[in-house]
Amino acid sequence: MTPSLHRRDVLRLSASAVAAPLFGSTLGAFEPQNRKADVVVIGAGVSGLAAARELTAKKLDCIVLEARNRIGGRVWSDRAWGATLDLGASWIHGIRGNPIYELAQQYSIQTFPTRSDAHWLYREGAHEYEDDEQEVTESRVKKLLADARAGRKNAIADGRPDVSLQEAIERVMGDRRYTPLQRQEIDFQISSLIEQEYAADSEELSNNYYDHGEDFPGSDVLFPQGYIQIVRRLAEGLTIKL
């Protein structure tokens, strides 16, 4: 049986890979040539760069080939508007024991903590929700999610096929009557609590397994100057062809 690879494992590989010495990377457009290398890594995202650093640290001649005209994969920091905007990966989720946060500290990269409860929610007509109103909308969705989790235990035990998280929620909603506003609030909270966390629509998430990942404890932080800073440091010393 092949052991499963979790996000934690990938992050730890990234952290161990940067043990290699840091030098200026060789970036350039790809040109067909008779260049020989021990290993060719396809893709200059975080995983590809981490793999290349690990191989380079083991004294192997390594070339990274990237089909895009930039490195980073889903890490994409844009400065077209004069300020840095992360269009892909944005947060370090949980800083305690998280290798990415350790890299940020090692490289003296500035981070900024975020609080999920420090936001204002409005509905049509510019009505600002009071704290107790927000708690009602969150509690309603959390109850639906709890009911969906309870139902999946029976489904797994009975051998019934998996369904999407959205379908499971619709099933537990059943014939309950919700006002159009309440339904809007449910959709918003599903987006806020689930879809933003897992980077996928609830129709695309498995009800049985969407929440089986492990998280690092601690607060979430952003990079004011962009997540790309981590990628650039990982790329240092590597031969990368765009």
Protein backbone atom coordinates (compact mmCIF):
# COMPACT_ATOMS: atom_id res chain seq x y z
CA MET A 1 0.00 0.00 0.00
CA THR A 2 1.35 3.41 -0.93
CA PRO A 3 1.32 5.76 2.09
CA SER A 4 -0.84 8.86 1.67
CA LEU A 5 0.88 12.22 1.37
CA HIS A 6 -0.78 14.98 3.36
CA ARG A 7 -0.36 18.75 3.09
CA ARG A 8 1.80 18.64 6.23
CA ASP A 9 4.23 16.25 4.50
CA VAL A 10 4.54 18.51 1.47
CA LEU A 11 5.15 21.54 3.67
CA ARG A 12 7.80 19.71 5.67
CA LEU A 13 9.52 18.63 2.47
CA SER A 14 9.56 22.28 1.41
CA ALA A 15 11.14 23.26 4.70
CA SER A 16 13.79 20.54 4.62
CA ALA A 17 14.63 21.38 1.02
CA VAL A 18 15.75 24.89 1.85
CA ALA A 19 18.60 23.50 3.86
CA ALA A 20 20.59 23.70 0.59
CA PRO A 21 22.86 26.75 0.25
CA LEU A 22 21.16 29.84 -1.17
CA PHE A 23 22.69 31.38 -4.27
CA GLY A 24 21.28 33.44 -7.14
CA SER A 25 18.97 31.32 -9.30
CA THR A 26 19.48 30.89 -13.03
CA LEU A 27 16.25 31.95 -14.73
CA GLY A 28 15.87 31.94 -18.49
CA ALA A 29 13.70 31.10 -21.45
CA PHE A 30 13.78 27.44 -22.45
CA GLU A 31 15.79 26.67 -25.58
CA PRO A 32 16.13 23.12 -26.92
CA GLN A 33 19.72 22.02 -26.42
CA ASN A 34 21.83 18.98 -25.76
CA ARG A 35 22.19 19.92 -22.10
CA LYS A 36 22.40 16.86 -19.86
CA ALA A 37 21.13 16.73 -16.32
CA ASP A 38 20.65 14.08 -13.67
CA VAL A 39 17.03 15.08 -13.12
CA VAL A 40 14.49 17.30 -14.85
CA VAL A 41 11.71 18.65 -12.63
CA ILE A 42 8.52 19.65 -14.42
CA GLY A 43 6.85 22.69 -12.88
CA ALA A 44 8.23 25.58 -10.82
CA GLY A 45 5.46 25.64 -8.23
CA VAL A 46 6.28 25.19 -4.56
CA SER A 47 6.41 21.38 -4.80
CA GLY A 48 8.65 21.43 -7.88
CA LEU A 49 11.02 23.99 -6.36
CA ALA A 50 11.17 22.07 -3.08
CA ALA A 51 11.95 18.85 -4.95
CA ALA A 52 14.65 20.58 -7.00
CA ARG A 53 16.25 22.03 -3.86
CA GLU A 54 16.27 18.60 -2.22
CA LEU A 55 17.91 17.06 -5.29
CA THR A 56 20.43 19.88 -5.57
CA ALA A 57 21.32 19.49 -1.91
CA LYS A 58 22.15 15.85 -2.70
CA LYS A 59 24.64 17.04 -5.36
CA LEU A 60 22.47 16.09 -8.34
CA ASP A 61 22.45 18.27 -11.47
CA CYS A 62 18.85 19.43 -11.74
CA ILE A 63 16.90 21.59 -14.22
CA VAL A 64 13.39 22.90 -13.55
CA LEU A 65 11.14 23.39 -16.60
CA GLU A 66 8.13 25.69 -16.23
CA ALA A 67 5.48 26.10 -18.96
CA ARG A 68 4.40 29.51 -17.71
CA ASN A 69 6.47 32.66 -17.98
CA ARG A 70 6.71 32.89 -14.19
CA ILE A 71 7.53 30.71 -11.21
CA GLY A 72 5.24 29.97 -8.30
CA GLY A 73 2.38 27.88 -9.69
CA ARG A 74 -0.71 28.84 -7.73
CA VAL A 75 1.35 31.34 -5.76
CA TRP A 76 0.94 34.51 -7.80
CA SER A 77 1.60 37.95 -6.31
CA ASP A 78 0.57 40.79 -8.62
CA ARG A 79 1.65 44.44 -8.27
CA ALA A 80 -0.17 45.88 -11.28
CA TRP A 81 -2.12 48.30 -9.07
CA GLY A 82 0.90 49.49 -7.11
CA ALA A 83 0.13 47.36 -4.05
CA THR A 84 0.73 43.65 -3.72
CA LEU A 85 -2.31 41.45 -4.36
CA ASP A 86 -2.05 37.67 -3.96
CA LEU A 87 -4.18 36.12 -6.70
CA GLY A 88 -3.45 32.56 -5.59
CA ALA A 89 -2.23 31.28 -2.23
CA SER A 90 -2.60 34.05 0.35
CA TRP A 91 -2.41 32.80 3.94
CA ILE A 92 -0.24 30.70 6.15
CA HIS A 93 -3.01 28.77 7.88
CA GLY A 94 -1.85 28.08 11.44
CA ILE A 95 1.62 29.28 12.43
CA ARG A 96 2.49 26.85 15.24
CA GLY A 97 4.76 24.14 13.84
CA ASN A 98 4.10 25.27 10.26
CA PRO A 99 7.28 25.02 8.14
CA ILE A 100 6.16 27.86 5.85
CA TYR A 101 5.95 30.19 8.84
CA GLU A 102 9.36 29.00 9.97
CA LEU A 103 10.69 29.91 6.51
CA ALA A 104 9.11 33.36 6.76
CA GLN A 105 10.85 33.90 10.09
CA GLN A 106 14.14 32.50 8.79
CA TYR A 107 14.09 34.90 5.84
CA SER A 108 12.74 37.84 7.90
CA ILE A 109 9.66 38.06 5.66
CA GLN A 110 6.98 40.29 7.15
CA THR A 111 3.63 38.67 8.00
CA PHE A 112 0.39 40.12 9.32
CA PRO A 113 -2.17 38.23 11.45
CA THR A 114 -5.81 38.07 10.36
CA ARG A 115 -8.92 37.52 12.45
CA SER A 116 -11.87 35.77 10.86
CA ASP A 117 -14.25 37.48 13.28
CA ALA A 118 -12.99 41.00 12.53
CA HIS A 119 -15.25 41.68 9.59
CA TRP A 120 -18.52 43.46 8.91
CA LEU A 121 -21.40 41.76 7.18
CA TYR A 122 -24.02 43.69 5.22
CA ARG A 123 -27.16 42.72 3.37
CA GLU A 124 -29.23 44.49 0.76
CA GLY A 125 -30.22 47.99 1.79
CA ALA A 126 -26.86 48.62 3.49
CA HIS A 127 -28.06 46.92 6.67
CA GLU A 128 -25.07 46.10 8.87
CA TYR A 129 -25.48 42.88 10.84
CA GLU A 130 -25.11 43.10 14.60
CA ASP A 131 -22.93 40.49 16.29
CA ASP A 132 -25.91 38.47 17.49
CA GLU A 133 -27.39 38.45 13.96
CA GLN A 134 -24.14 37.12 12.53
CA GLU A 135 -24.03 34.43 15.21
CA VAL A 136 -27.53 33.31 14.23
CA THR A 137 -26.53 32.90 10.55
CA GLU A 138 -23.35 31.00 11.50
CA SER A 139 -25.16 28.77 13.98
CA ARG A 140 -27.78 27.86 11.38
CA VAL A 141 -25.12 26.65 8.91
CA LYS A 142 -23.05 24.89 11.59
CA LYS A 143 -26.19 22.94 12.59
CA LEU A 144 -26.73 21.93 8.96
CA LEU A 145 -23.10 20.81 8.68
CA ALA A 146 -23.35 18.84 11.91
CA ASP A 147 -26.50 17.09 10.63
CA ALA A 148 -24.72 16.31 7.33
CA ARG A 149 -21.78 14.80 9.24
CA ALA A 150 -24.12 12.69 11.32
CA GLY A 151 -25.85 11.43 8.19
CA ARG A 152 -22.59 10.45 6.51
CA LYS A 153 -21.72 8.07 9.36
CA ASN A 154 -24.83 6.05 8.58
CA ALA A 155 -24.17 6.28 4.83
CA ILE A 156 -20.60 4.97 5.21
CA ALA A 157 -21.76 2.18 7.52
CA ASP A 158 -24.45 1.15 5.02
CA GLY A 159 -22.03 1.30 2.08
CA ARG A 160 -23.97 4.04 0.30
CA PRO A 161 -22.04 6.09 -2.29
CA ASP A 162 -20.52 9.43 -1.35
CA VAL A 163 -22.30 12.63 -2.35
CA SER A 164 -21.19 16.24 -2.58
CA LEU A 165 -21.26 18.39 0.52
CA GLN A 166 -23.91 20.62 -1.08
CA GLU A 167 -26.17 17.64 -1.80
CA ALA A 168 -25.77 16.44 1.78
CA ILE A 169 -26.72 19.91 3.07
CA GLU A 170 -29.75 20.04 0.76
CA ARG A 171 -30.86 16.65 2.08
CA VAL A 172 -30.71 17.69 5.73
CA MET A 173 -32.48 20.94 4.87
CA GLY A 174 -35.29 18.80 3.50
CA ASP A 175 -38.66 20.50 3.68
CA ARG A 176 -37.59 23.08 6.24
CA ARG A 177 -38.87 26.47 5.22
CA TYR A 178 -36.35 29.26 4.83
CA THR A 179 -37.01 32.81 3.73
CA PRO A 180 -35.11 34.04 0.66
CA LEU A 181 -32.90 36.10 3.00
CA GLN A 182 -32.15 33.09 5.21
CA ARG A 183 -31.24 31.06 2.14
CA GLN A 184 -28.91 33.86 1.05
CA GLU A 185 -27.30 33.83 4.47
CA ILE A 186 -26.84 30.06 4.33
CA ASP A 187 -25.16 30.29 0.94
CA PHE A 188 -22.90 33.08 2.19
CA GLN A 189 -21.86 31.17 5.31
CA ILE A 190 -21.15 28.01 3.30
CA SER A 191 -18.90 30.12 1.11
CA SER A 192 -17.25 31.82 4.08
CA LEU A 193 -16.81 28.79 6.36
CA ILE A 194 -16.23 26.05 3.80
CA GLU A 195 -15.55 27.08 0.21
CA GLN A 196 -12.93 29.70 1.01
CA GLU A 197 -11.19 27.27 3.37
CA TYR A 198 -11.04 24.38 0.89
CA ALA A 199 -10.77 26.41 -2.34
CA ALA A 200 -13.64 24.60 -4.07
CA ASP A 201 -17.40 24.89 -4.49
CA SER A 202 -19.50 22.84 -2.09
CA GLU A 203 -20.84 20.92 -5.11
CA GLU A 204 -17.27 19.71 -5.76
CA LEU A 205 -16.39 18.71 -2.20
CA SER A 206 -16.86 15.19 -0.88
CA ASN A 207 -19.27 15.07 2.04
CA ASN A 208 -17.39 12.08 3.44
CA TYR A 209 -13.90 13.52 3.30
CA TYR A 210 -13.91 17.32 2.83
CA ASP A 211 -12.94 17.93 6.47
CA HIS A 212 -10.49 15.06 6.98
CA GLY A 213 -7.37 17.18 6.49
CA GLU A 214 -5.17 18.16 9.41
CA ASP A 215 -4.57 21.80 10.30
CA PHE A 216 -1.76 23.56 12.06
CA PRO A 217 -2.80 25.35 15.24
CA GLY A 218 -2.39 29.06 15.79
CA SER A 219 -3.45 32.18 13.97
CA ASP A 220 -3.57 32.75 10.20
CA VAL A 221 -1.21 35.32 8.69
CA LEU A 222 -0.86 37.15 5.37
CA PHE A 223 2.17 38.48 3.51
CA PRO A 224 1.84 42.27 3.03
CA GLN A 225 4.50 42.11 0.29
CA GLY A 226 3.20 38.89 -1.26
CA TYR A 227 3.48 35.12 -0.86
CA ILE A 228 5.87 35.16 -3.83
CA GLN A 229 8.66 36.07 -1.41
CA ILE A 230 8.68 32.47 -0.15
CA VAL A 231 8.79 31.15 -3.72
CA ARG A 232 11.68 33.41 -4.72
CA ARG A 233 13.74 32.20 -1.78
CA LEU A 234 12.98 28.57 -2.65
CA ALA A 235 14.09 29.27 -6.24
CA GLU A 236 17.48 30.70 -5.29
CA GLY A 237 20.37 28.61 -6.54
CA LEU A 238 18.27 26.56 -8.98
CA THR A 239 18.45 26.38 -12.77
CA ILE A 240 14.94 27.21 -13.96
CA LYS A 241 13.83 27.46 -17.59
CA LEU A 242 10.56 29.29 -18.26
